[in-house]
Amino acid sequence: MQAIDIERLIAENIPGAAVTVSGDDGRHFEALVVADAFEGMSRVQQHRLVYQALGGRVESEQIHALALKTYTPEGWARARDQQ
């Protein structure tokens, strides 16, 4: 599985999400997902939504490791301002 495939799956299953995925070994990836859909969700709920979007590919180890950073658009704006 390639980073672009993961980006596509997340974007297709979380409408309006801005997604960036990196990783070049085909098994270990990092994803940044910014979505209105995360509004009112805990960080754990946000991550579960992303895993659901991937349709079991983490559990089946098509994706061995996925480091997630998830934000609402407002949370992402705050995080960028703090950098």
N, C-alpha and C. Protein backbone atom coordinates (compact mmCIF):
# COMPACT_ATOMS: atom_id res chain seq x y z
N MET A 1 0.86 -1.18 0.00
CA MET A 1 0.00 0.00 0.00
C MET A 1 0.90 1.24 0.00
N GLN A 2 0.50 2.23 -0.75
CA GLN A 2 1.27 3.46 -0.87
C GLN A 2 0.57 4.60 -0.12
N ALA A 3 1.33 5.63 0.20
CA ALA A 3 0.79 6.78 0.92
C ALA A 3 -0.40 7.39 0.18
N ILE A 4 -0.32 7.49 -1.13
CA ILE A 4 -1.40 8.09 -1.93
C ILE A 4 -2.69 7.27 -1.81
N ASP A 5 -2.57 5.95 -1.68
CA ASP A 5 -3.74 5.08 -1.52
C ASP A 5 -4.43 5.35 -0.18
N ILE A 6 -3.62 5.55 0.85
CA ILE A 6 -4.16 5.83 2.18
C ILE A 6 -4.85 7.20 2.17
N GLU A 7 -4.21 8.18 1.57
CA GLU A 7 -4.82 9.51 1.45
C GLU A 7 -6.19 9.41 0.78
N ARG A 8 -6.25 8.67 -0.32
CA ARG A 8 -7.49 8.54 -1.07
C ARG A 8 -8.58 7.89 -0.24
N LEU A 9 -8.25 6.81 0.47
CA LEU A 9 -9.24 6.11 1.29
C LEU A 9 -9.80 7.02 2.38
N ILE A 10 -8.92 7.75 3.04
CA ILE A 10 -9.37 8.64 4.11
C ILE A 10 -10.25 9.75 3.52
N ALA A 11 -9.79 10.37 2.46
CA ALA A 11 -10.54 11.48 1.85
C ALA A 11 -11.90 11.02 1.33
N GLU A 12 -11.97 9.83 0.76
CA GLU A 12 -13.24 9.31 0.26
C GLU A 12 -14.23 9.01 1.37
N ASN A 13 -13.73 8.60 2.53
CA ASN A 13 -14.59 8.15 3.62
C ASN A 13 -14.83 9.19 4.71
N ILE A 14 -14.09 10.28 4.68
CA ILE A 14 -14.33 11.40 5.58
C ILE A 14 -14.48 12.63 4.69
N PRO A 15 -15.71 12.88 4.24
CA PRO A 15 -15.94 13.97 3.28
C PRO A 15 -15.40 15.31 3.78
N GLY A 16 -14.73 16.01 2.87
CA GLY A 16 -14.20 17.33 3.18
C GLY A 16 -12.89 17.33 3.94
N ALA A 17 -12.35 16.15 4.25
CA ALA A 17 -11.10 16.07 5.01
C ALA A 17 -9.92 16.51 4.15
N ALA A 18 -9.00 17.23 4.77
CA ALA A 18 -7.70 17.53 4.16
C ALA A 18 -6.74 16.50 4.72
N VAL A 19 -6.11 15.74 3.85
CA VAL A 19 -5.30 14.60 4.27
C VAL A 19 -3.92 14.68 3.65
N THR A 20 -2.91 14.46 4.48
CA THR A 20 -1.53 14.34 4.01
C THR A 20 -0.95 13.09 4.65
N VAL A 21 -0.43 12.19 3.83
CA VAL A 21 0.18 10.96 4.34
C VAL A 21 1.59 10.86 3.82
N SER A 22 2.51 10.50 4.69
CA SER A 22 3.89 10.28 4.28
C SER A 22 4.33 8.90 4.75
N GLY A 23 5.37 8.40 4.13
CA GLY A 23 5.92 7.09 4.46
C GLY A 23 6.36 6.44 3.16
N ASP A 24 7.55 5.89 3.13
CA ASP A 24 8.06 5.38 1.86
C ASP A 24 8.46 3.91 1.89
N ASP A 25 8.18 3.22 3.00
CA ASP A 25 8.56 1.81 3.02
C ASP A 25 7.38 0.87 2.73
N GLY A 26 6.19 1.45 2.50
CA GLY A 26 5.03 0.64 2.16
C GLY A 26 4.31 0.03 3.34
N ARG A 27 4.81 0.24 4.56
CA ARG A 27 4.17 -0.36 5.74
C ARG A 27 4.04 0.61 6.91
N HIS A 28 4.89 1.60 7.01
CA HIS A 28 4.88 2.56 8.12
C HIS A 28 4.56 3.94 7.57
N PHE A 29 3.50 4.56 8.14
CA PHE A 29 3.04 5.83 7.60
C PHE A 29 2.73 6.82 8.71
N GLU A 30 2.72 8.09 8.32
CA GLU A 30 2.27 9.17 9.19
C GLU A 30 1.18 9.92 8.44
N ALA A 31 0.09 10.22 9.15
CA ALA A 31 -1.02 10.91 8.50
C ALA A 31 -1.43 12.13 9.31
N LEU A 32 -1.69 13.21 8.61
CA LEU A 32 -2.28 14.42 9.18
C LEU A 32 -3.65 14.55 8.54
N VAL A 33 -4.69 14.57 9.38
CA VAL A 33 -6.06 14.65 8.87
C VAL A 33 -6.76 15.81 9.58
N VAL A 34 -7.28 16.73 8.79
CA VAL A 34 -8.02 17.89 9.30
C VAL A 34 -9.43 17.79 8.73
N ALA A 35 -10.43 17.72 9.64
CA ALA A 35 -11.80 17.52 9.15
C ALA A 35 -12.83 18.12 10.10
N ASP A 36 -13.85 18.71 9.51
CA ASP A 36 -15.00 19.18 10.29
C ASP A 36 -15.67 18.02 11.01
N ALA A 37 -15.60 16.84 10.44
CA ALA A 37 -16.24 15.66 11.03
C ALA A 37 -15.73 15.35 12.43
N PHE A 38 -14.55 15.86 12.80
CA PHE A 38 -13.98 15.59 14.12
C PHE A 38 -14.56 16.48 15.22
N GLU A 39 -15.35 17.47 14.82
CA GLU A 39 -15.92 18.42 15.79
C GLU A 39 -16.69 17.67 16.88
N GLY A 40 -16.35 17.96 18.13
CA GLY A 40 -17.04 17.34 19.27
C GLY A 40 -16.56 15.95 19.63
N MET A 41 -15.60 15.41 18.89
CA MET A 41 -15.08 14.07 19.16
C MET A 41 -13.81 14.15 20.01
N SER A 42 -13.61 13.14 20.83
CA SER A 42 -12.33 13.01 21.54
C SER A 42 -11.27 12.58 20.53
N ARG A 43 -10.02 12.69 20.92
CA ARG A 43 -8.92 12.27 20.04
C ARG A 43 -9.07 10.78 19.69
N VAL A 44 -9.46 9.96 20.65
CA VAL A 44 -9.64 8.53 20.39
C VAL A 44 -10.74 8.31 19.36
N GLN A 45 -11.85 9.02 19.48
CA GLN A 45 -12.93 8.90 18.51
C GLN A 45 -12.49 9.34 17.11
N GLN A 46 -11.69 10.40 17.05
CA GLN A 46 -11.17 10.86 15.77
C GLN A 46 -10.32 9.78 15.11
N HIS A 47 -9.44 9.17 15.89
CA HIS A 47 -8.57 8.13 15.35
C HIS A 47 -9.38 6.92 14.91
N ARG A 48 -10.39 6.57 15.68
CA ARG A 48 -11.26 5.44 15.28
C ARG A 48 -11.94 5.72 13.95
N LEU A 49 -12.37 6.96 13.74
CA LEU A 49 -13.01 7.32 12.48
C LEU A 49 -12.04 7.14 11.31
N VAL A 50 -10.79 7.53 11.51
CA VAL A 50 -9.79 7.35 10.46
C VAL A 50 -9.55 5.86 10.21
N TYR A 51 -9.42 5.07 11.27
CA TYR A 51 -9.22 3.63 11.08
C TYR A 51 -10.40 3.00 10.35
N GLN A 52 -11.62 3.44 10.67
CA GLN A 52 -12.80 2.94 9.96
C GLN A 52 -12.72 3.28 8.48
N ALA A 53 -12.23 4.48 8.18
CA ALA A 53 -12.09 4.91 6.79
C ALA A 53 -11.13 4.00 6.01
N LEU A 54 -10.21 3.39 6.72
CA LEU A 54 -9.23 2.52 6.07
C LEU A 54 -9.74 1.10 5.89
N GLY A 55 -10.94 0.83 6.36
CA GLY A 55 -11.61 -0.43 6.07
C GLY A 55 -10.89 -1.69 6.48
N GLY A 56 -10.29 -1.71 7.66
CA GLY A 56 -9.66 -2.93 8.16
C GLY A 56 -8.24 -3.17 7.68
N ARG A 57 -7.67 -2.23 6.96
CA ARG A 57 -6.32 -2.44 6.44
C ARG A 57 -5.24 -2.39 7.52
N VAL A 58 -5.53 -1.71 8.64
CA VAL A 58 -4.58 -1.71 9.75
C VAL A 58 -4.64 -3.06 10.46
N GLU A 59 -5.87 -3.53 10.72
CA GLU A 59 -6.04 -4.82 11.40
C GLU A 59 -5.45 -5.98 10.60
N SER A 60 -5.57 -5.92 9.28
CA SER A 60 -5.04 -6.99 8.43
C SER A 60 -3.56 -6.81 8.14
N GLU A 61 -2.99 -5.74 8.68
CA GLU A 61 -1.57 -5.40 8.55
C GLU A 61 -1.13 -5.08 7.13
N GLN A 62 -2.07 -4.69 6.26
CA GLN A 62 -1.66 -4.09 4.99
C GLN A 62 -0.95 -2.77 5.30
N ILE A 63 -1.39 -2.14 6.39
CA ILE A 63 -0.72 -0.97 6.94
C ILE A 63 -0.21 -1.41 8.30
N HIS A 64 1.08 -1.55 8.43
CA HIS A 64 1.64 -2.07 9.68
C HIS A 64 1.58 -1.03 10.80
N ALA A 65 1.92 0.20 10.49
CA ALA A 65 1.94 1.26 11.51
C ALA A 65 1.46 2.56 10.89
N LEU A 66 0.59 3.25 11.64
CA LEU A 66 0.06 4.53 11.17
C LEU A 66 0.06 5.50 12.34
N ALA A 67 0.94 6.49 12.28
CA ALA A 67 0.97 7.55 13.29
C ALA A 67 -0.01 8.62 12.83
N LEU A 68 -0.97 8.95 13.68
CA LEU A 68 -2.02 9.89 13.31
C LEU A 68 -1.93 11.20 14.07
N LYS A 69 -2.18 12.28 13.35
CA LYS A 69 -2.42 13.59 13.94
C LYS A 69 -3.74 14.04 13.35
N THR A 70 -4.73 14.24 14.21
CA THR A 70 -6.06 14.62 13.74
C THR A 70 -6.47 15.92 14.41
N TYR A 71 -7.12 16.77 13.61
CA TYR A 71 -7.55 18.09 14.08
C TYR A 71 -8.86 18.49 13.42
N THR A 72 -9.62 19.31 14.14
CA THR A 72 -10.68 20.06 13.49
C THR A 72 -9.97 21.22 12.78
N PRO A 73 -10.63 21.88 11.85
CA PRO A 73 -9.98 23.03 11.20
C PRO A 73 -9.56 24.10 12.22
N GLU A 74 -10.39 24.35 13.21
CA GLU A 74 -10.05 25.34 14.24
C GLU A 74 -8.84 24.88 15.06
N GLY A 75 -8.83 23.60 15.42
CA GLY A 75 -7.70 23.05 16.19
C GLY A 75 -6.41 23.09 15.38
N TRP A 76 -6.49 22.84 14.08
CA TRP A 76 -5.32 22.89 13.22
C TRP A 76 -4.78 24.32 13.12
N ALA A 77 -5.68 25.29 13.04
CA ALA A 77 -5.25 26.69 12.98
C ALA A 77 -4.51 27.06 14.26
N ARG A 78 -5.02 26.63 15.40
CA ARG A 78 -4.35 26.89 16.68
C ARG A 78 -2.99 26.22 16.75
N ALA A 79 -2.92 24.97 16.31
CA ALA A 79 -1.66 24.22 16.35
C ALA A 79 -0.61 24.88 15.47
N ARG A 80 -1.01 25.35 14.30
CA ARG A 80 -0.05 26.02 13.40
C ARG A 80 0.42 27.34 14.00
N ASP A 81 -0.48 28.06 14.67
CA ASP A 81 -0.10 29.33 15.29
C ASP A 81 0.91 29.14 16.41
N GLN A 82 0.91 27.97 17.05
CA GLN A 82 1.81 27.70 18.17
C GLN A 82 3.20 27.26 17.70
N GLN A 83 3.32 26.97 16.43
CA GLN A 83 4.63 26.48 15.92
C GLN A 83 5.60 27.61 15.71
